[in-house]
C-alpha atoms as a PDB file:
ATOM      1  CA  MET A   1      -5.743 -80.674  -5.299  1.00  0.00           C
ATOM      2  CA  ARG A   2      -5.607 -82.126  -2.125  1.00  0.00           C
ATOM      3  CA  GLU A   3      -4.812 -85.656  -3.807  1.00  0.00           C
ATOM      4  CA  ILE A   4      -1.730 -83.739  -5.751  1.00  0.00           C
ATOM      5  CA  MET A   5      -0.629 -82.284  -2.861  1.00  0.00           C
ATOM      6  CA  SER A   6      -0.783 -85.304  -0.804  1.00  0.00           C
ATOM      7  CA  LYS A   7       1.518 -87.166  -4.015  1.00  0.00           C
ATOM      8  CA  ILE A   8       3.768 -84.511  -3.809  1.00  0.00           C
ATOM      9  CA  ALA A   9       4.302 -84.542   0.062  1.00  0.00           C
ATOM     10  CA  ILE A  10       4.854 -88.419   0.002  1.00  0.00           C
ATOM     11  CA  LEU A  11       7.832 -87.565  -2.820  1.00  0.00           C
ATOM     12  CA  THR A  12       9.167 -84.855  -0.450  1.00  0.00           C
ATOM     13  CA  ASP A  13       9.162 -87.397   2.454  1.00  0.00           C
ATOM     14  CA  SER A  14      12.928 -88.322   3.630  1.00  0.00           C
ATOM     15  CA  SER A  15      11.778 -92.019   3.691  1.00  0.00           C
ATOM     16  CA  CYS A  16      10.426 -91.986  -0.126  1.00  0.00           C
ATOM     17  CA  ASP A  17      12.829 -93.634  -2.487  1.00  0.00           C
ATOM     18  CA  ILE A  18      11.086 -92.064  -5.489  1.00  0.00           C
ATOM     19  CA  PRO A  19      13.385 -89.479  -6.007  1.00  0.00           C
ATOM     20  CA  GLN A  20      16.504 -91.470  -5.507  1.00  0.00           C
ATOM     21  CA  GLU A  21      15.450 -94.005  -8.034  1.00  0.00           C
ATOM     22  CA  MET A  22      14.305 -91.406 -10.817  1.00  0.00           C
ATOM     23  CA  ALA A  23      17.924 -89.533 -10.283  1.00  0.00           C
ATOM     24  CA  GLU A  24      19.625 -93.312 -10.761  1.00  0.00           C
ATOM     25  CA  LYS A  25      17.528 -94.343 -13.785  1.00  0.00           C
ATOM     26  CA  TYR A  26      17.888 -90.875 -15.523  1.00  0.00           C
ATOM     27  CA  GLY A  27      21.372 -89.880 -13.952  1.00  0.00           C
ATOM     28  CA  ILE A  28      20.717 -86.738 -12.699  1.00  0.00           C
ATOM     29  CA  ASP A  29      22.143 -85.125  -9.804  1.00  0.00           C
ATOM     30  CA  ILE A  30      19.148 -84.660  -6.730  1.00  0.00           C
ATOM     31  CA  SER A  31      21.427 -83.219  -4.032  1.00  0.00           C
ATOM     32  CA  ASP A  32      20.919 -80.430  -2.244  1.00  0.00           C
ATOM     33  CA  GLU A  33      23.972 -78.707  -3.794  1.00  0.00           C
ATOM     34  CA  ALA A  34      22.785 -79.510  -7.465  1.00  0.00           C
ATOM     35  CA  LEU A  35      19.140 -78.576  -6.516  1.00  0.00           C
ATOM     36  CA  MET A  36      20.330 -75.125  -5.234  1.00  0.00           C
ATOM     37  CA  LYS A  37      22.772 -74.494  -8.178  1.00  0.00           C
ATOM     38  CA  ALA A  38      19.581 -75.154 -10.463  1.00  0.00           C
ATOM     39  CA  ILE A  39      17.390 -72.840  -8.450  1.00  0.00           C
ATOM     40  CA  GLU A  40      19.973 -69.939  -8.586  1.00  0.00           C
ATOM     41  CA  LEU A  41      20.350 -70.456 -12.524  1.00  0.00           C
ATOM     42  CA  HIS A  42      16.393 -70.474 -12.794  1.00  0.00           C
ATOM     43  CA  ASN A  43      16.118 -67.365 -10.356  1.00  0.00           C
ATOM     44  CA  GLU A  44      18.809 -65.581 -12.287  1.00  0.00           C
ATOM     45  CA  VAL A  45      16.971 -66.447 -15.880  1.00  0.00           C
ATOM     46  CA  SER A  46      13.797 -65.267 -14.781  1.00  0.00           C
ATOM     47  CA  ALA A  47      14.753 -61.930 -13.296  1.00  0.00           C
ATOM     48  CA  VAL A  48      16.528 -61.059 -16.770  1.00  0.00           C
ATOM     49  CA  ILE A  49      13.093 -62.850 -18.749  1.00  0.00           C
ATOM     50  CA  ASN A  50      11.268 -60.370 -16.500  1.00  0.00           C
ATOM     51  CA  GLU A  51      13.349 -57.397 -16.958  1.00  0.00           C
ATOM     52  CA  ILE A  52      13.232 -58.007 -20.805  1.00  0.00           C
ATOM     53  CA  GLY A  53       9.387 -58.481 -20.267  1.00  0.00           C
ATOM     54  CA  ASP A  54       9.077 -54.945 -19.178  1.00  0.00           C
ATOM     55  CA  TYR A  55      10.017 -53.534 -21.767  1.00  0.00           C
ATOM     56  CA  ARG A  56       6.834 -54.572 -23.328  1.00  0.00           C
ATOM     57  CA  LYS A  57       5.242 -52.529 -21.089  1.00  0.00           C
ATOM     58  CA  LEU A  58       6.294 -49.120 -22.028  1.00  0.00           C
ATOM     59  CA  ASP A  59       4.479 -46.106 -23.235  1.00  0.00           C
ATOM     60  CA  ASN A  60       6.170 -46.885 -26.565  1.00  0.00           C
ATOM     61  CA  PRO A  61       8.279 -50.582 -26.242  1.00  0.00           C
ATOM     62  CA  THR A  62      11.594 -51.268 -27.505  1.00  0.00           C
ATOM     63  CA  ILE A  63      10.600 -54.833 -27.839  1.00  0.00           C
ATOM     64  CA  THR A  64       7.208 -56.389 -29.196  1.00  0.00           C
ATOM     65  CA  GLY A  65       5.266 -58.916 -27.648  1.00  0.00           C
ATOM     66  CA  TYR A  66       6.239 -61.468 -30.751  1.00  0.00           C
ATOM     67  CA  GLU A  67       9.800 -60.701 -29.745  1.00  0.00           C
ATOM     68  CA  PHE A  68       9.321 -61.200 -26.625  1.00  0.00           C
ATOM     69  CA  HIS A  69       7.340 -64.719 -27.332  1.00  0.00           C
ATOM     70  CA  VAL A  70      10.438 -65.759 -29.223  1.00  0.00           C
ATOM     71  CA  ILE A  71      12.808 -65.368 -26.246  1.00  0.00           C
ATOM     72  CA  GLN A  72      10.449 -66.772 -23.746  1.00  0.00           C
ATOM     73  CA  LEU A  73       9.993 -69.998 -25.538  1.00  0.00           C
ATOM     74  CA  CYS A  74      14.027 -70.182 -26.487  1.00  0.00           C
ATOM     75  CA  SER A  75      14.362 -69.921 -22.746  1.00  0.00           C
ATOM     76  CA  GLN A  76      12.140 -72.614 -21.655  1.00  0.00           C
ATOM     77  CA  VAL A  77      13.783 -75.207 -23.892  1.00  0.00           C
ATOM     78  CA  CYS A  78      17.221 -74.190 -24.265  1.00  0.00           C
ATOM     79  CA  PRO A  79      19.682 -74.948 -21.651  1.00  0.00           C
ATOM     80  CA  LYS A  80      20.058 -72.252 -18.970  1.00  0.00           C
ATOM     81  CA  ASP A  81      23.588 -71.860 -18.783  1.00  0.00           C
ATOM     82  CA  LEU A  82      24.114 -71.593 -22.359  1.00  0.00           C
ATOM     83  CA  ILE A  83      21.389 -69.081 -23.044  1.00  0.00           C
ATOM     84  CA  LEU A  84      21.891 -66.530 -19.998  1.00  0.00           C
ATOM     85  CA  PRO A  85      24.748 -64.455 -21.619  1.00  0.00           C
ATOM     86  CA  MET A  86      22.645 -64.078 -24.504  1.00  0.00           C
ATOM     87  CA  LEU A  87      19.307 -63.051 -22.142  1.00  0.00           C
ATOM     88  CA  LYS A  88      21.819 -60.358 -20.597  1.00  0.00           C
ATOM     89  CA  GLU A  89      22.906 -59.169 -23.446  1.00  0.00           C
ATOM     90  CA  THR A  90      19.323 -58.560 -25.025  1.00  0.00           C
ATOM     91  CA  ALA A  91      18.074 -57.017 -21.711  1.00  0.00           C
ATOM     92  CA  LYS A  92      21.109 -54.514 -21.866  1.00  0.00           C
ATOM     93  CA  GLU A  93      20.216 -53.861 -25.694  1.00  0.00           C
ATOM     94  CA  LEU A  94      17.087 -53.193 -25.040  1.00  0.00           C
ATOM     95  CA  LYS A  95      17.984 -50.281 -22.186  1.00  0.00           C
ATOM     96  CA  THR A  96      19.425 -48.264 -25.363  1.00  0.00           C
ATOM     97  CA  ARG A  97      17.171 -49.319 -28.145  1.00  0.00           C
ATOM     98  CA  LYS A  98      15.366 -46.690 -29.689  1.00  0.00           C
ATOM     99  CA  PRO A  99      11.669 -47.324 -30.072  1.00  0.00           C
ATOM    100  CA  ASP A 100       9.626 -46.024 -32.900  1.00  0.00           C
ATOM    101  CA  LYS A 101       8.733 -42.489 -33.148  1.00  0.00           C
ATOM    102  CA  LYS A 102       5.457 -43.607 -32.600  1.00  0.00           C
ATOM    103  CA  SER A 103       4.197 -46.475 -31.168  1.00  0.00           C
ATOM    104  CA  PRO A 104       2.332 -48.969 -34.115  1.00  0.00           C
ATOM    105  CA  PHE A 105      -0.288 -50.266 -31.137  1.00  0.00           C
ATOM    106  CA  ARG A 106      -3.489 -48.896 -30.315  1.00  0.00           C
ATOM    107  CA  CYS A 107      -4.264 -50.948 -27.589  1.00  0.00           C
ATOM    108  CA  LYS A 108      -2.643 -52.811 -24.932  1.00  0.00           C
ATOM    109  CA  VAL A 109      -3.842 -56.819 -24.175  1.00  0.00           C
ATOM    110  CA  VAL A 110      -2.836 -59.892 -22.381  1.00  0.00           C
ATOM    111  CA  LEU A 111      -2.863 -63.303 -23.712  1.00  0.00           C
ATOM    112  CA  ALA A 112      -4.455 -65.708 -21.160  1.00  0.00           C
ATOM    113  CA  GLY A 113      -5.258 -69.495 -21.906  1.00  0.00           C
ATOM    114  CA  SER A 114      -3.470 -72.756 -22.184  1.00  0.00           C
ATOM    115  CA  GLU A 115      -0.741 -73.712 -24.297  1.00  0.00           C
ATOM    116  CA  ASN A 116       0.708 -71.047 -27.135  1.00  0.00           C
ATOM    117  CA  ASP A 117       3.905 -71.888 -28.148  1.00  0.00           C
ATOM    118  CA  ASP A 118       3.293 -70.167 -31.360  1.00  0.00           C
ATOM    119  CA  PRO A 119       4.977 -66.745 -31.471  1.00  0.00           C
ATOM    120  CA  GLU A 120       3.283 -66.120 -35.142  1.00  0.00           C
ATOM    121  CA  PHE A 121       0.097 -66.077 -33.058  1.00  0.00           C
ATOM    122  CA  THR A 122       1.567 -63.208 -31.046  1.00  0.00           C
ATOM    123  CA  LYS A 123       2.412 -61.354 -33.902  1.00  0.00           C
ATOM    124  CA  LEU A 124      -0.965 -61.706 -35.835  1.00  0.00           C
ATOM    125  CA  ILE A 125      -2.414 -60.286 -32.769  1.00  0.00           C
ATOM    126  CA  GLU A 126       0.221 -57.196 -32.826  1.00  0.00           C
ATOM    127  CA  GLY A 127      -0.498 -56.944 -36.917  1.00  0.00           C
ATOM    128  CA  CYS A 128      -3.685 -55.711 -35.795  1.00  0.00           C
ATOM    129  CA  GLY A 129      -2.665 -52.922 -33.735  1.00  0.00           C
ATOM    130  CA  ALA A 130      -3.015 -54.847 -30.106  1.00  0.00           C
ATOM    131  CA  GLU A 131       0.242 -54.999 -28.318  1.00  0.00           C
ATOM    132  CA  VAL A 132       0.717 -58.018 -25.982  1.00  0.00           C
ATOM    133  CA  VAL A 133       2.299 -56.902 -22.829  1.00  0.00           C
ATOM    134  CA  CYS A 134       1.388 -59.969 -20.801  1.00  0.00           C
ATOM    135  CA  ASP A 135       0.839 -63.483 -21.034  1.00  0.00           C
ATOM    136  CA  ARG A 136      -0.684 -65.812 -18.846  1.00  0.00           C
ATOM    137  CA  TYR A 137      -0.857 -69.288 -20.358  1.00  0.00           C
ATOM    138  CA  CYS A 138       0.724 -72.487 -19.466  1.00  0.00           C
ATOM    139  CA  TYR A 139       4.304 -71.873 -19.530  1.00  0.00           C
ATOM    140  CA  GLY A 140       3.878 -68.000 -20.328  1.00  0.00           C
ATOM    141  CA  ALA A 141       6.002 -65.542 -18.689  1.00  0.00           C
ATOM    142  CA  VAL A 142       4.052 -64.931 -15.258  1.00  0.00           C
ATOM    143  CA  GLU A 143       3.839 -68.187 -13.276  1.00  0.00           C
ATOM    144  CA  SER A 144       6.965 -69.857 -14.628  1.00  0.00           C
ATOM    145  CA  ARG A 145       9.227 -66.791 -13.876  1.00  0.00           C
ATOM    146  CA  MET A 146       8.386 -66.432 -10.077  1.00  0.00           C
ATOM    147  CA  PRO A 147      11.509 -66.872  -8.286  1.00  0.00           C
ATOM    148  CA  ILE A 148      11.810 -70.416  -6.518  1.00  0.00           C
ATOM    149  CA  GLU A 149      12.200 -68.982  -2.622  1.00  0.00           C
ATOM    150  CA  VAL A 150      14.995 -71.202  -0.702  1.00  0.00           C
ATOM    151  CA  LYS A 151      14.154 -71.682   3.053  1.00  0.00           C
ATOM    152  CA  ASP A 152      16.657 -72.361   5.298  1.00  0.00           C
ATOM    153  CA  GLY A 153      16.915 -75.859   7.086  1.00  0.00           C
ATOM    154  CA  GLU A 154      14.562 -77.207   4.047  1.00  0.00           C
ATOM    155  CA  LYS A 155      15.936 -79.686   1.446  1.00  0.00           C
ATOM    156  CA  LYS A 156      16.038 -78.157  -1.607  1.00  0.00           C
ATOM    157  CA  ILE A 157      13.241 -80.578  -3.426  1.00  0.00           C
ATOM    158  CA  GLN A 158      10.964 -79.275  -0.943  1.00  0.00           C
ATOM    159  CA  ASN A 159      11.564 -75.781  -1.857  1.00  0.00           C
ATOM    160  CA  LEU A 160      10.672 -77.007  -5.803  1.00  0.00           C
ATOM    161  CA  THR A 161       7.612 -78.888  -4.337  1.00  0.00           C
ATOM    162  CA  ASP A 162       6.456 -75.556  -2.624  1.00  0.00           C
ATOM    163  CA  LYS A 163       6.829 -73.454  -5.906  1.00  0.00           C
ATOM    164  CA  TYR A 164       4.894 -75.818  -7.567  1.00  0.00           C
ATOM    165  CA  CYS A 165       2.067 -76.234  -5.523  1.00  0.00           C
ATOM    166  CA  ALA A 166       1.779 -72.481  -4.614  1.00  0.00           C
ATOM    167  CA  SER A 167       1.510 -72.583  -8.468  1.00  0.00           C
ATOM    168  CA  VAL A 168      -1.118 -74.839  -8.825  1.00  0.00           C
ATOM    169  CA  ASP A 169      -2.990 -73.713  -5.821  1.00  0.00           C
ATOM    170  CA  GLN A 170      -3.137 -70.175  -7.120  1.00  0.00           C
ATOM    171  CA  LEU A 171      -4.615 -71.649 -10.330  1.00  0.00           C
ATOM    172  CA  VAL A 172      -7.021 -73.698  -8.854  1.00  0.00           C
ATOM    173  CA  SER A 173      -8.181 -70.642  -6.526  1.00  0.00           C
ATOM    174  CA  GLU A 174      -8.585 -68.490  -9.826  1.00  0.00           C
ATOM    175  CA  LYS A 175     -10.541 -71.385 -10.994  1.00  0.00           C
ATOM    176  CA  GLU A 176     -12.989 -71.485  -8.228  1.00  0.00           C
ATOM    177  CA  LYS A 177     -13.377 -67.747  -7.726  1.00  0.00           C
ATOM    178  CA  GLU A 178     -14.547 -68.075 -11.977  1.00  0.00           C
ATOM    179  CA  ILE A 179     -17.017 -70.862 -11.148  1.00  0.00           C
ATOM    180  CA  MET A 180     -18.308 -69.166  -7.658  1.00  0.00           C
ATOM    181  CA  SER A 181     -18.801 -66.005  -9.782  1.00  0.00           C
ATOM    182  CA  ILE A 182     -21.332 -67.645 -12.137  1.00  0.00           C
END
């Protein structure tokens, strides 16, 4: 863990040329203004995705875990500025969507583990009567949808690395607790 943190610290050091070299090679803008715009867009998309995901948690949900899984995957791979209007429209629809008269689910479950980019797996679980109300896997909706905190006076690349390091630190801490309990 310390090794990862020290490597990230090197990348955010103002004397390090690696981020600028990568920006030039890949033709991307890493100015504070461009990064701030990306952070704001990420935070806005995340807020809408979290709102949509909360509808899974209702006693009688207006969206299934499967539907949410498809939306979550799309939001990870589609350009954020293009998908945001559709996400907002979906969130608005879910406010008034009528749920089934009786929930088809017998219990609520959390999916946890490594990668799961197969919505059909979620559909299979829900087909057995278990409603997927939360997902904690590699790029699931919990860690990837936390807002990026913007700190005054810091470079935006530092804010991004702080979020990444906090996510990694949380996962490592959880794993350490799990190992210590054995």
